[in-house]
Every structure is written in structure tokens, then in C-alpha cells.
Amino acid sequence: MKSNMKTIRSIPQMQKLARAMTAQNMTIALVPTMGFLHDGHLSLIRRARKLADVVVTSVFVNPIQFGPKDDFKAYPRNEKKDIKAIASAGGDIVFVPRAELVYPVDFQTFVTVEKITATLEGEFRPTHFIGVTTVVAKLFNVVRPDLAVFGMKDYQQVMVIQQMISDLNYPIKLIVAPTVREKDGLAMSSRNSYFTPRQRPKAICLYAALKQARAMVLRDGVDKPAVLKRKMTQVILSICPTAQIDYIAFTDFDSLQPVKRITRNTICSLAVRVHGVRLIDNMKLS
């Protein structure tokens, strides 16, 4: 554990420190999080530790990426535990700004990425990505990282951030780390804590459906999205009959455009509400 890890709450202080580190030719990695960290987050920090001189982890529950029906107030928080976990994973700096500093009174500027935000998550949470891109742009401006580490579980988010980096000429390399899963395959998520012990086994329905689709592609040569979608729906409802499926989508890995046939470059993404908890997951099918 790093006993000398810094916790910074001031934006000007973080900016001053970032400038000083850059002046010393130190490479900075940023791991943006909303806190309540699990092993998936810590794997991102450990990945960053191998790639940069300084690892900055932000902990900020971003209010503007939550829609009116989302769980902003209920979103789990445990700052003290997060800071301890970040230190144990090798973090150097924890940046924990308050919402009123990030979005002061009369805040009026938002960052919007078009097209790829209109589908999947964007279709069901229309204001979500404006919140994501705005806060990440602000974090990039404050921390001035050379690289940023995100997880594959939020693949559309990764694509959106990559587009923003390219369009706005940020000199930042985006690193995408694999999804970290529980022993039964459930993708790690802070929202997993919402489940009761009785509900938790039902949450594997997303992973089970993805595995079934991948097996049908690799073993049986199925290449029709509609056939896979029907089977995935059956799998989900057989495990959790009350599940509500927002979407099951088959898209090109590079463009996120829908595909008519499954190829080696197809990724399946889905969002499902299990006992009221909204989960997302994805998997390449070959």
C-alpha cells in the first residue's frame, strides 16, 4: 500500500500538480471512476501502474450522466474504503472533487459526441453520454493525462471517449482493459451491491445469454442476429422470468453500426433490468 498517496479535492491544486509533473517529463495515467470500487476498477489502476510514472484515480459520482429515472441519490458511495483500495492497487493520487466545484452555479458548457451516442445506451438514456463526455473532458483538462484507462464492460462509452479524443485533438492514448467478472461470470459493477442474496444468482442471465450466443456462432455457425436474439431472450427469461430487456444488439466492433450477419468483428451488447437493477454487458462473438 502506498502510504504517501495524495488525496486532492481542489481543481486548481490538481491542475498545478499536473503541470509540475508534466514539466518533469513524468507520464500521467488517469483512471476515471464513480467510486464504490471493486476488483474491476482496481485492475484498471494496476494496468495504469505498469504504463505510467504517475497514476491518478478520480472518484466522482457525476450527477449529469444520470437521467431523471436513474439512481443518482441511491448510487453506492464509500470514499474512505475507495481511497484505501486505490492505495493498495498502486495509485499515486486520488482526485475527489465536489460536484459544486465541477459544475459551479451557471455552468453552461457541455460536450456532445454525435451519431455513436444515438444507439444502445443512448437510445434508452438520451442524456447519459453528454454527461459522460463533459465530465471526462473536464478531467482531461484538469489532470492532463498521457493515457486514460477504461474498462471493456462499458464498450460504447469507450467508443464515445475515443471519438472525443480524436475530434478534440487530445494528446491522450486510450487503453481498454478486459471486463473483470465474478466467478459465475457476472461482470463486476458497483450496482451489483443492490442485489439481495436471493436475487444475485439471477444476475448471471446476461453472461449466460452471451455465452450461448457465442457458442451458437462458433459451434453451430449461426450468423443471423435475429436467431441469436431469440435464443438469448429465452436464456435470460429462463433464468430470471421477471427480467426486462432494454436491448440485445449486434454491431460492428469498430463502428458500432448494426450488422446483418455475424462476422469475426461482431460484438453483442445488451442491457437488462434484473429485479430492478439495470445491468450491461458485451462480448465479441468469435
C-alpha atoms as a PDB file:
ATOM      1  CA  MET A   1       0.000   0.000   0.000  1.00  0.00           C
ATOM      2  CA  LYS A   2       1.211   3.498  -0.834  1.00  0.00           C
ATOM      3  CA  SER A   3       1.402   5.455   2.428  1.00  0.00           C
ATOM      4  CA  ASN A   4       2.396   8.638   0.589  1.00  0.00           C
ATOM      5  CA  MET A   5      -0.566   8.671  -1.801  1.00  0.00           C
ATOM      6  CA  LYS A   6      -2.072  12.136  -2.176  1.00  0.00           C
ATOM      7  CA  THR A   7      -5.781  12.920  -1.921  1.00  0.00           C
ATOM      8  CA  ILE A   8      -6.657  16.106  -3.794  1.00  0.00           C
ATOM      9  CA  ARG A   9     -10.042  17.826  -3.713  1.00  0.00           C
ATOM     10  CA  SER A  10      -9.171  21.169  -5.291  1.00  0.00           C
ATOM     11  CA  ILE A  11      -9.284  21.596  -9.083  1.00  0.00           C
ATOM     12  CA  PRO A  12      -6.592  24.331  -9.126  1.00  0.00           C
ATOM     13  CA  GLN A  13      -4.361  22.183  -6.898  1.00  0.00           C
ATOM     14  CA  MET A  14      -4.755  19.197  -9.229  1.00  0.00           C
ATOM     15  CA  GLN A  15      -4.019  21.381 -12.255  1.00  0.00           C
ATOM     16  CA  LYS A  16      -0.907  22.828 -10.608  1.00  0.00           C
ATOM     17  CA  LEU A  17       0.385  19.379  -9.709  1.00  0.00           C
ATOM     18  CA  ALA A  18      -0.334  18.039 -13.215  1.00  0.00           C
ATOM     19  CA  ARG A  19       1.619  20.904 -14.775  1.00  0.00           C
ATOM     20  CA  ALA A  20       4.542  20.269 -12.427  1.00  0.00           C
ATOM     21  CA  MET A  21       4.621  16.567 -13.241  1.00  0.00           C
ATOM     22  CA  THR A  22       4.443  17.266 -16.967  1.00  0.00           C
ATOM     23  CA  ALA A  23       7.317  19.736 -16.640  1.00  0.00           C
ATOM     24  CA  GLN A  24       9.366  16.916 -15.119  1.00  0.00           C
ATOM     25  CA  ASN A  25       8.550  14.709 -18.141  1.00  0.00           C
ATOM     26  CA  MET A  26       6.530  12.325 -15.991  1.00  0.00           C
ATOM     27  CA  THR A  27       3.861  10.326 -17.791  1.00  0.00           C
ATOM     28  CA  ILE A  28       0.412  10.541 -16.199  1.00  0.00           C
ATOM     29  CA  ALA A  29      -2.307   7.895 -16.380  1.00  0.00           C
ATOM     30  CA  LEU A  30      -5.896   8.697 -15.473  1.00  0.00           C
ATOM     31  CA  VAL A  31      -8.416   6.115 -14.256  1.00  0.00           C
ATOM     32  CA  PRO A  32     -11.830   7.813 -14.049  1.00  0.00           C
ATOM     33  CA  THR A  33     -14.298   6.171 -11.643  1.00  0.00           C
ATOM     34  CA  MET A  34     -17.533   6.926  -9.839  1.00  0.00           C
ATOM     35  CA  GLY A  35     -16.238   5.244  -6.706  1.00  0.00           C
ATOM     36  CA  PHE A  36     -17.525   2.276  -4.701  1.00  0.00           C
ATOM     37  CA  LEU A  37     -14.602   0.441  -6.229  1.00  0.00           C
ATOM     38  CA  HIS A  38     -14.465  -3.273  -6.963  1.00  0.00           C
ATOM     39  CA  ASP A  39     -11.753  -5.532  -8.406  1.00  0.00           C
ATOM     40  CA  GLY A  40     -12.632  -4.393 -11.924  1.00  0.00           C
ATOM     41  CA  HIS A  41     -11.696  -0.812 -11.063  1.00  0.00           C
ATOM     42  CA  LEU A  42      -8.560  -1.955  -9.266  1.00  0.00           C
ATOM     43  CA  SER A  43      -7.468  -3.926 -12.322  1.00  0.00           C
ATOM     44  CA  LEU A  44      -7.567  -0.656 -14.289  1.00  0.00           C
ATOM     45  CA  ILE A  45      -5.365   1.030 -11.699  1.00  0.00           C
ATOM     46  CA  ARG A  46      -2.912  -1.862 -11.772  1.00  0.00           C
ATOM     47  CA  ARG A  47      -2.852  -1.702 -15.573  1.00  0.00           C
ATOM     48  CA  ALA A  48      -2.150   2.032 -15.421  1.00  0.00           C
ATOM     49  CA  ARG A  49       0.611   1.408 -12.852  1.00  0.00           C
ATOM     50  CA  LYS A  50       2.527  -0.604 -15.470  1.00  0.00           C
ATOM     51  CA  LEU A  51       2.215   2.098 -18.126  1.00  0.00           C
ATOM     52  CA  ALA A  52       2.847   5.439 -16.440  1.00  0.00           C
ATOM     53  CA  ASP A  53       5.010   7.203 -13.879  1.00  0.00           C
ATOM     54  CA  VAL A  54       2.001   8.604 -12.013  1.00  0.00           C
ATOM     55  CA  VAL A  55      -1.474   7.089 -11.667  1.00  0.00           C
ATOM     56  CA  VAL A  56      -4.331   9.473 -10.922  1.00  0.00           C
ATOM     57  CA  THR A  57      -7.677   7.905  -9.994  1.00  0.00           C
ATOM     58  CA  SER A  58     -10.684  10.190  -9.961  1.00  0.00           C
ATOM     59  CA  VAL A  59     -13.605   9.381  -7.663  1.00  0.00           C
ATOM     60  CA  PHE A  60     -16.645  11.406  -8.653  1.00  0.00           C
ATOM     61  CA  VAL A  61     -20.303  10.395  -8.864  1.00  0.00           C
ATOM     62  CA  ASN A  62     -21.197  12.505 -11.880  1.00  0.00           C
ATOM     63  CA  PRO A  63     -24.711  13.922 -11.468  1.00  0.00           C
ATOM     64  CA  ILE A  64     -25.207  14.986 -15.083  1.00  0.00           C
ATOM     65  CA  GLN A  65     -24.839  11.497 -16.532  1.00  0.00           C
ATOM     66  CA  PHE A  66     -27.828  10.258 -14.539  1.00  0.00           C
ATOM     67  CA  GLY A  67     -31.270  10.600 -16.088  1.00  0.00           C
ATOM     68  CA  PRO A  68     -34.378  11.580 -14.098  1.00  0.00           C
ATOM     69  CA  LYS A  69     -35.271   7.918 -13.559  1.00  0.00           C
ATOM     70  CA  ASP A  70     -31.726   6.817 -12.741  1.00  0.00           C
ATOM     71  CA  ASP A  71     -30.285   6.082  -9.308  1.00  0.00           C
ATOM     72  CA  PHE A  72     -28.022   9.086  -8.596  1.00  0.00           C
ATOM     73  CA  LYS A  73     -29.057   9.539  -4.956  1.00  0.00           C
ATOM     74  CA  ALA A  74     -29.036   5.794  -4.316  1.00  0.00           C
ATOM     75  CA  TYR A  75     -25.728   5.172  -6.106  1.00  0.00           C
ATOM     76  CA  PRO A  76     -23.401   3.470  -3.576  1.00  0.00           C
ATOM     77  CA  ARG A  77     -20.603   5.524  -2.064  1.00  0.00           C
ATOM     78  CA  ASN A  78     -17.742   4.717   0.334  1.00  0.00           C
ATOM     79  CA  GLU A  79     -14.947   7.243  -0.084  1.00  0.00           C
ATOM     80  CA  LYS A  80     -12.780   6.051   2.793  1.00  0.00           C
ATOM     81  CA  LYS A  81     -12.801   2.466   1.539  1.00  0.00           C
ATOM     82  CA  ASP A  82     -12.151   3.645  -2.046  1.00  0.00           C
ATOM     83  CA  ILE A  83      -9.070   5.641  -1.051  1.00  0.00           C
ATOM     84  CA  LYS A  84      -7.652   2.669   0.846  1.00  0.00           C
ATOM     85  CA  ALA A  85      -8.300   0.355  -2.122  1.00  0.00           C
ATOM     86  CA  ILE A  86      -6.674   2.759  -4.593  1.00  0.00           C
ATOM     87  CA  ALA A  87      -3.567   2.926  -2.419  1.00  0.00           C
ATOM     88  CA  SER A  88      -3.402  -0.879  -2.244  1.00  0.00           C
ATOM     89  CA  ALA A  89      -3.628  -1.109  -6.059  1.00  0.00           C
ATOM     90  CA  GLY A  90      -0.702   1.247  -6.548  1.00  0.00           C
ATOM     91  CA  GLY A  91      -2.380   4.595  -7.107  1.00  0.00           C
ATOM     92  CA  ASP A  92      -0.397   7.779  -6.560  1.00  0.00           C
ATOM     93  CA  ILE A  93      -3.124  10.424  -6.477  1.00  0.00           C
ATOM     94  CA  VAL A  94      -6.843  10.300  -5.723  1.00  0.00           C
ATOM     95  CA  PHE A  95      -8.737  13.229  -7.200  1.00  0.00           C
ATOM     96  CA  VAL A  96     -12.034  13.684  -5.326  1.00  0.00           C
ATOM     97  CA  PRO A  97     -13.662  16.957  -6.427  1.00  0.00           C
ATOM     98  CA  ARG A  98     -17.025  18.086  -5.088  1.00  0.00           C
ATOM     99  CA  ALA A  99     -19.908  18.445  -7.528  1.00  0.00           C
ATOM    100  CA  GLU A 100     -20.270  22.179  -6.880  1.00  0.00           C
ATOM    101  CA  LEU A 101     -16.646  22.665  -7.953  1.00  0.00           C
ATOM    102  CA  VAL A 102     -17.015  20.598 -11.114  1.00  0.00           C
ATOM    103  CA  TYR A 103     -20.342  22.218 -12.004  1.00  0.00           C
ATOM    104  CA  PRO A 104     -20.441  25.663 -10.403  1.00  0.00           C
ATOM    105  CA  VAL A 105     -23.506  27.870 -10.455  1.00  0.00           C
ATOM    106  CA  ASP A 106     -24.330  28.987 -14.008  1.00  0.00           C
ATOM    107  CA  PHE A 107     -22.387  26.118 -15.598  1.00  0.00           C
ATOM    108  CA  GLN A 108     -23.368  26.174 -19.294  1.00  0.00           C
ATOM    109  CA  THR A 109     -20.873  24.183 -21.383  1.00  0.00           C
ATOM    110  CA  PHE A 110     -21.422  20.576 -22.435  1.00  0.00           C
ATOM    111  CA  VAL A 111     -19.504  18.258 -24.768  1.00  0.00           C
ATOM    112  CA  THR A 112     -21.577  16.266 -27.251  1.00  0.00           C
ATOM    113  CA  VAL A 113     -20.486  13.394 -29.483  1.00  0.00           C
ATOM    114  CA  GLU A 114     -22.989  12.703 -32.257  1.00  0.00           C
ATOM    115  CA  LYS A 115     -24.020   9.523 -34.109  1.00  0.00           C
ATOM    116  CA  ILE A 116     -22.488   6.745 -31.983  1.00  0.00           C
ATOM    117  CA  THR A 117     -24.304   8.083 -28.911  1.00  0.00           C
ATOM    118  CA  ALA A 118     -27.724   7.710 -30.556  1.00  0.00           C
ATOM    119  CA  THR A 119     -27.964   3.921 -30.247  1.00  0.00           C
ATOM    120  CA  LEU A 120     -27.772   1.306 -27.475  1.00  0.00           C
ATOM    121  CA  GLU A 121     -27.317   3.170 -24.186  1.00  0.00           C
ATOM    122  CA  GLY A 122     -28.002   6.496 -25.855  1.00  0.00           C
ATOM    123  CA  GLU A 123     -31.398   5.341 -27.060  1.00  0.00           C
ATOM    124  CA  PHE A 124     -32.537   4.357 -23.575  1.00  0.00           C
ATOM    125  CA  ARG A 125     -30.620   7.044 -21.649  1.00  0.00           C
ATOM    126  CA  PRO A 126     -30.644  10.029 -24.018  1.00  0.00           C
ATOM    127  CA  THR A 127     -28.763  12.468 -21.739  1.00  0.00           C
ATOM    128  CA  HIS A 128     -26.252   9.941 -20.416  1.00  0.00           C
ATOM    129  CA  PHE A 129     -23.376  10.405 -22.838  1.00  0.00           C
ATOM    130  CA  ILE A 130     -23.480  14.201 -22.716  1.00  0.00           C
ATOM    131  CA  GLY A 131     -22.791  13.822 -19.017  1.00  0.00           C
ATOM    132  CA  VAL A 132     -20.015  11.291 -19.613  1.00  0.00           C
ATOM    133  CA  THR A 133     -18.191  13.259 -22.301  1.00  0.00           C
ATOM    134  CA  THR A 134     -18.497  16.528 -20.414  1.00  0.00           C
ATOM    135  CA  VAL A 135     -17.039  15.191 -17.179  1.00  0.00           C
ATOM    136  CA  VAL A 136     -14.297  13.216 -18.932  1.00  0.00           C
ATOM    137  CA  ALA A 137     -13.319  16.279 -20.973  1.00  0.00           C
ATOM    138  CA  LYS A 138     -13.091  18.260 -17.739  1.00  0.00           C
ATOM    139  CA  LEU A 139     -10.991  15.528 -16.125  1.00  0.00           C
ATOM    140  CA  PHE A 140      -8.684  15.505 -19.147  1.00  0.00           C
ATOM    141  CA  ASN A 141      -8.285  19.287 -18.876  1.00  0.00           C
ATOM    142  CA  VAL A 142      -7.561  19.159 -15.140  1.00  0.00           C
ATOM    143  CA  VAL A 143      -5.340  16.068 -14.908  1.00  0.00           C
ATOM    144  CA  ARG A 144      -3.656  16.385 -18.329  1.00  0.00           C
ATOM    145  CA  PRO A 145      -3.024  12.641 -18.672  1.00  0.00           C
ATOM    146  CA  ASP A 146      -0.881  10.996 -21.310  1.00  0.00           C
ATOM    147  CA  LEU A 147      -3.120   7.944 -21.215  1.00  0.00           C
ATOM    148  CA  ALA A 148      -6.532   7.048 -19.817  1.00  0.00           C
ATOM    149  CA  VAL A 149      -7.649   3.564 -18.815  1.00  0.00           C
ATOM    150  CA  PHE A 150     -11.258   2.410 -19.261  1.00  0.00           C
ATOM    151  CA  GLY A 151     -12.921  -0.988 -18.990  1.00  0.00           C
ATOM    152  CA  MET A 152     -14.371  -3.061 -21.805  1.00  0.00           C
ATOM    153  CA  LYS A 153     -17.678  -3.568 -19.968  1.00  0.00           C
ATOM    154  CA  ASP A 154     -18.701  -0.044 -20.959  1.00  0.00           C
ATOM    155  CA  TYR A 155     -17.670  -0.570 -24.571  1.00  0.00           C
ATOM    156  CA  GLN A 156     -19.930   2.058 -26.126  1.00  0.00           C
ATOM    157  CA  GLN A 157     -18.574   4.559 -23.618  1.00  0.00           C
ATOM    158  CA  VAL A 158     -15.046   3.633 -24.712  1.00  0.00           C
ATOM    159  CA  MET A 159     -16.001   4.270 -28.345  1.00  0.00           C
ATOM    160  CA  VAL A 160     -17.535   7.622 -27.455  1.00  0.00           C
ATOM    161  CA  ILE A 161     -14.480   8.735 -25.472  1.00  0.00           C
ATOM    162  CA  GLN A 162     -12.170   7.626 -28.290  1.00  0.00           C
ATOM    163  CA  GLN A 163     -14.210   9.709 -30.736  1.00  0.00           C
ATOM    164  CA  MET A 164     -13.988  12.719 -28.439  1.00  0.00           C
ATOM    165  CA  ILE A 165     -10.226  12.281 -28.044  1.00  0.00           C
ATOM    166  CA  SER A 166      -9.832  12.184 -31.819  1.00  0.00           C
ATOM    167  CA  ASP A 167     -12.219  15.025 -32.604  1.00  0.00           C
ATOM    168  CA  LEU A 168     -10.895  17.409 -29.952  1.00  0.00           C
ATOM    169  CA  ASN A 169      -7.209  16.542 -30.547  1.00  0.00           C
ATOM    170  CA  TYR A 170      -6.472  15.407 -27.021  1.00  0.00           C
ATOM    171  CA  PRO A 171      -2.893  14.030 -26.917  1.00  0.00           C
ATOM    172  CA  ILE A 172      -4.106  11.052 -24.915  1.00  0.00           C
ATOM    173  CA  LYS A 173      -3.822   7.323 -25.576  1.00  0.00           C
ATOM    174  CA  LEU A 174      -6.919   5.351 -24.628  1.00  0.00           C
ATOM    175  CA  ILE A 175      -6.248   1.973 -23.013  1.00  0.00           C
ATOM    176  CA  VAL A 176      -9.109  -0.542 -22.913  1.00  0.00           C
ATOM    177  CA  ALA A 177      -8.810  -3.252 -20.270  1.00  0.00           C
ATOM    178  CA  PRO A 178     -10.786  -6.531 -20.299  1.00  0.00           C
ATOM    179  CA  THR A 179     -14.022  -6.906 -18.354  1.00  0.00           C
ATOM    180  CA  VAL A 180     -13.417  -8.404 -14.917  1.00  0.00           C
ATOM    181  CA  ARG A 181     -16.020 -10.962 -13.876  1.00  0.00           C
ATOM    182  CA  GLU A 182     -17.175 -12.722 -10.735  1.00  0.00           C
ATOM    183  CA  LYS A 183     -16.589 -16.476 -10.519  1.00  0.00           C
ATOM    184  CA  ASP A 184     -20.011 -17.155 -12.053  1.00  0.00           C
ATOM    185  CA  GLY A 185     -19.392 -14.790 -14.958  1.00  0.00           C
ATOM    186  CA  LEU A 186     -21.310 -11.715 -13.802  1.00  0.00           C
ATOM    187  CA  ALA A 187     -19.464  -8.581 -14.917  1.00  0.00           C
ATOM    188  CA  MET A 188     -18.276  -6.650 -11.892  1.00  0.00           C
ATOM    189  CA  SER A 189     -20.282  -3.488 -11.283  1.00  0.00           C
ATOM    190  CA  SER A 190     -20.923  -1.164  -8.357  1.00  0.00           C
ATOM    191  CA  ARG A 191     -24.623  -1.770  -8.939  1.00  0.00           C
ATOM    192  CA  ASN A 192     -24.224  -5.469  -8.142  1.00  0.00           C
ATOM    193  CA  SER A 193     -24.377  -4.412  -4.491  1.00  0.00           C
ATOM    194  CA  TYR A 194     -28.078  -3.643  -4.959  1.00  0.00           C
ATOM    195  CA  PHE A 195     -28.987  -7.329  -5.153  1.00  0.00           C
ATOM    196  CA  THR A 196     -30.199  -9.345  -2.194  1.00  0.00           C
ATOM    197  CA  PRO A 197     -28.576 -12.777  -1.748  1.00  0.00           C
ATOM    198  CA  ARG A 198     -31.695 -14.378  -3.236  1.00  0.00           C
ATOM    199  CA  GLN A 199     -31.708 -12.067  -6.284  1.00  0.00           C
ATOM    200  CA  ARG A 200     -27.973 -12.197  -7.019  1.00  0.00           C
ATOM    201  CA  PRO A 201     -27.917 -15.622  -8.815  1.00  0.00           C
ATOM    202  CA  LYS A 202     -30.416 -14.298 -11.368  1.00  0.00           C
ATOM    203  CA  ALA A 203     -27.947 -11.632 -12.461  1.00  0.00           C
ATOM    204  CA  ILE A 204     -25.891 -14.183 -14.391  1.00  0.00           C
ATOM    205  CA  CYS A 205     -28.590 -14.202 -17.084  1.00  0.00           C
ATOM    206  CA  LEU A 206     -26.702 -11.651 -19.204  1.00  0.00           C
ATOM    207  CA  TYR A 207     -23.466 -13.639 -19.205  1.00  0.00           C
ATOM    208  CA  ALA A 208     -25.312 -16.910 -19.798  1.00  0.00           C
ATOM    209  CA  ALA A 209     -27.055 -15.413 -22.822  1.00  0.00           C
ATOM    210  CA  LEU A 210     -23.813 -14.047 -24.238  1.00  0.00           C
ATOM    211  CA  LYS A 211     -22.091 -17.403 -23.793  1.00  0.00           C
ATOM    212  CA  GLN A 212     -24.989 -19.138 -25.519  1.00  0.00           C
ATOM    213  CA  ALA A 213     -24.803 -16.747 -28.482  1.00  0.00           C
ATOM    214  CA  ARG A 214     -21.051 -17.186 -28.809  1.00  0.00           C
ATOM    215  CA  ALA A 215     -21.395 -20.968 -28.714  1.00  0.00           C
ATOM    216  CA  MET A 216     -24.062 -20.876 -31.423  1.00  0.00           C
ATOM    217  CA  VAL A 217     -21.758 -18.808 -33.637  1.00  0.00           C
ATOM    218  CA  LEU A 218     -18.581 -20.836 -33.053  1.00  0.00           C
ATOM    219  CA  ARG A 219     -20.054 -24.324 -32.722  1.00  0.00           C
ATOM    220  CA  ASP A 220     -23.101 -24.208 -34.985  1.00  0.00           C
ATOM    221  CA  GLY A 221     -22.159 -21.490 -37.479  1.00  0.00           C
ATOM    222  CA  VAL A 222     -25.237 -19.364 -36.758  1.00  0.00           C
ATOM    223  CA  ASP A 223     -24.786 -15.965 -38.377  1.00  0.00           C
ATOM    224  CA  LYS A 224     -28.271 -14.422 -38.176  1.00  0.00           C
ATOM    225  CA  PRO A 225     -28.706 -11.814 -35.418  1.00  0.00           C
ATOM    226  CA  ALA A 226     -32.452 -12.454 -35.170  1.00  0.00           C
ATOM    227  CA  VAL A 227     -31.884 -16.147 -34.400  1.00  0.00           C
ATOM    228  CA  LEU A 228     -29.328 -15.322 -31.721  1.00  0.00           C
ATOM    229  CA  LYS A 229     -31.526 -12.627 -30.209  1.00  0.00           C
ATOM    230  CA  ARG A 230     -34.461 -15.024 -29.846  1.00  0.00           C
ATOM    231  CA  LYS A 231     -32.303 -17.618 -28.124  1.00  0.00           C
ATOM    232  CA  MET A 232     -30.651 -15.052 -25.851  1.00  0.00           C
ATOM    233  CA  THR A 233     -34.068 -13.768 -24.819  1.00  0.00           C
ATOM    234  CA  GLN A 234     -35.112 -17.318 -23.937  1.00  0.00           C
ATOM    235  CA  VAL A 235     -31.984 -17.846 -21.860  1.00  0.00           C
ATOM    236  CA  ILE A 236     -32.443 -14.585 -19.963  1.00  0.00           C
ATOM    237  CA  LEU A 237     -36.097 -15.243 -19.148  1.00  0.00           C
ATOM    238  CA  SER A 238     -35.445 -18.857 -18.198  1.00  0.00           C
ATOM    239  CA  ILE A 239     -33.014 -17.656 -15.512  1.00  0.00           C
ATOM    240  CA  CYS A 240     -34.938 -14.539 -14.468  1.00  0.00           C
ATOM    241  CA  PRO A 241     -38.588 -14.612 -15.669  1.00  0.00           C
ATOM    242  CA  THR A 242     -39.175 -11.040 -14.472  1.00  0.00           C
ATOM    243  CA  ALA A 243     -36.177  -9.606 -16.367  1.00  0.00           C
ATOM    244  CA  GLN A 244     -36.819  -6.598 -18.588  1.00  0.00           C
ATOM    245  CA  ILE A 245     -34.635  -6.433 -21.682  1.00  0.00           C
ATOM    246  CA  ASP A 246     -33.814  -2.927 -22.899  1.00  0.00           C
ATOM    247  CA  TYR A 247     -31.829  -4.160 -25.886  1.00  0.00           C
ATOM    248  CA  ILE A 248     -29.812  -7.008 -27.374  1.00  0.00           C
ATOM    249  CA  ALA A 249     -27.728  -5.577 -30.196  1.00  0.00           C
ATOM    250  CA  PHE A 250     -25.253  -6.985 -32.699  1.00  0.00           C
ATOM    251  CA  THR A 251     -22.906  -4.341 -34.036  1.00  0.00           C
ATOM    252  CA  ASP A 252     -19.583  -3.886 -35.777  1.00  0.00           C
ATOM    253  CA  PHE A 253     -16.763  -3.765 -33.232  1.00  0.00           C
ATOM    254  CA  ASP A 254     -15.150  -0.713 -34.826  1.00  0.00           C
ATOM    255  CA  SER A 255     -18.152   1.404 -35.821  1.00  0.00           C
ATOM    256  CA  LEU A 256     -20.986   0.233 -33.544  1.00  0.00           C
ATOM    257  CA  GLN A 257     -23.204   0.060 -36.636  1.00  0.00           C
ATOM    258  CA  PRO A 258     -25.789  -2.776 -36.668  1.00  0.00           C
ATOM    259  CA  VAL A 259     -24.795  -5.851 -38.667  1.00  0.00           C
ATOM    260  CA  LYS A 260     -26.980  -8.099 -40.812  1.00  0.00           C
ATOM    261  CA  ARG A 261     -24.655 -11.076 -40.475  1.00  0.00           C
ATOM    262  CA  ILE A 262     -22.344 -12.155 -37.652  1.00  0.00           C
ATOM    263  CA  THR A 263     -18.662 -11.874 -38.552  1.00  0.00           C
ATOM    264  CA  ARG A 264     -15.372 -12.063 -36.686  1.00  0.00           C
ATOM    265  CA  ASN A 265     -15.744  -8.349 -35.983  1.00  0.00           C
ATOM    266  CA  THR A 266     -19.196  -8.518 -34.386  1.00  0.00           C
ATOM    267  CA  ILE A 267     -19.798  -7.584 -30.773  1.00  0.00           C
ATOM    268  CA  CYS A 268     -23.028  -8.333 -28.941  1.00  0.00           C
ATOM    269  CA  SER A 269     -24.125  -5.775 -26.336  1.00  0.00           C
ATOM    270  CA  LEU A 270     -27.123  -5.953 -24.062  1.00  0.00           C
ATOM    271  CA  ALA A 271     -28.840  -4.137 -21.228  1.00  0.00           C
ATOM    272  CA  VAL A 272     -31.227  -5.952 -18.904  1.00  0.00           C
ATOM    273  CA  ARG A 273     -33.063  -4.967 -15.744  1.00  0.00           C
ATOM    274  CA  VAL A 274     -32.807  -7.784 -13.211  1.00  0.00           C
ATOM    275  CA  HIS A 275     -35.008  -7.250 -10.156  1.00  0.00           C
ATOM    276  CA  GLY A 276     -34.959  -3.542 -10.994  1.00  0.00           C
ATOM    277  CA  VAL A 277     -31.163  -3.311 -11.303  1.00  0.00           C
ATOM    278  CA  ARG A 278     -30.028  -2.243 -14.761  1.00  0.00           C
ATOM    279  CA  LEU A 279     -27.011  -4.266 -15.939  1.00  0.00           C
ATOM    280  CA  ILE A 280     -24.992  -4.042 -19.136  1.00  0.00           C
ATOM    281  CA  ASP A 281     -22.525  -6.458 -20.677  1.00  0.00           C
ATOM    282  CA  ASN A 282     -20.982  -7.358 -24.024  1.00  0.00           C
ATOM    283  CA  MET A 283     -18.912  -9.998 -25.780  1.00  0.00           C
ATOM    284  CA  LYS A 284     -17.222 -10.495 -29.124  1.00  0.00           C
ATOM    285  CA  LEU A 285     -18.873 -13.484 -30.766  1.00  0.00           C
ATOM    286  CA  SER A 286     -15.874 -15.044 -32.484  1.00  0.00           C
END
